[in-house]
């Protein structure tokens, strides 16, 4: 992508424009947020609203570059190593600061410390991360996931997984034996005992699931009109996570319309919304949500003019909705996702977003 194409893009998760060098702390926050997420580019010398190439004084470029380097080195921890370039657009001079996704998060402001100085990228803004997000960044550094963490005081044999065993047998034709549980990383060794992981608890019907993960549910609602004031129907899906997506999908089908058109001598039926795309979005919401965020559930809301599906958690760093038609795969839940694949709920080949994008083309009037 050349500079003209970049300048035509809106600000977002990986892109920011500034007319002049930001205040020290603002620059450091942006660098930290980029490093904690998917990386990003800051262009200095470009006003954003309205978008206009202002340019920088050519005689001051070296001094600005040195100041940028010093701010990042002095205020950010762990060390962030940016790539700084001088670029030209016509007779105007710009500075491009590129920060790559960091390998040792969380990154934070030295003077604020980890709890008060860790920033993440939310859309085109920098937001202070709470403790849950900081913990997620710590797990990313150790290359582990929340669902793979063990519950030391819960032996696997004490957990009620009867319904999950039945589902597993039905979908795979295999017994969910003790060996299979270990192979799927649902059970792990801990100080000489075989204990449950968070993932196994989420797949269970054990009372412990409602104690630890009472928020791991899907809230479905059909509202009257375009607001949330009046319910027509609602359902809380609190079963184990292996069945939640299908139940939520069936709720949607009950509350959207299906019409028919005549094409030649044939009558062709058609839903008012792309149901394959919605089913995929609901599946993704359940399998890829951040289960470490307490008090937040998946929501499926149906209005007169749209269907809205929300899932707790930020996008994984490698996923870019701007490139939906490409195959992208980055499982946040490294134990749950392979189990869903085994059950035939997802394919784990990065086809989900492409499937959604492809079917949305058949509904050009629907905003996405």
Foldseek 3Di string as FASTA:
>chain_A
DDPVVLLVDAFWQAEEEELADDDLLVLLLVLQQLQLFAWHKYKYQFDVVVTDRRADDPVCVVVSVVVSQCSQQQFKPPHWDWDWDWDDDVPGIMIMTTTGHHLADNMFTPVLDDQQTGWHGDINDIDRDHPLSRVLSNCSNVVHFQQLAFDVVAAPVNFALVVVQVLLCVQQVDGCDPVVCVVLSQWDDDPRGITGGNLVLLNGPGPVCCVLQVQLWEKEFEAEADDNPGTPDIDIGRHRLLCRLVVNLVVVVVPWDKDWDDDPPDIHIDTPDLSLLVSLVSLCLNQAARSSDPPHYWYWYHHPQDIDTDHHDDDHRFDDLVPLLDQDADHNHSSSVVVCCSSVSDVRRRCNSNVNVVSVVVVVVDDD
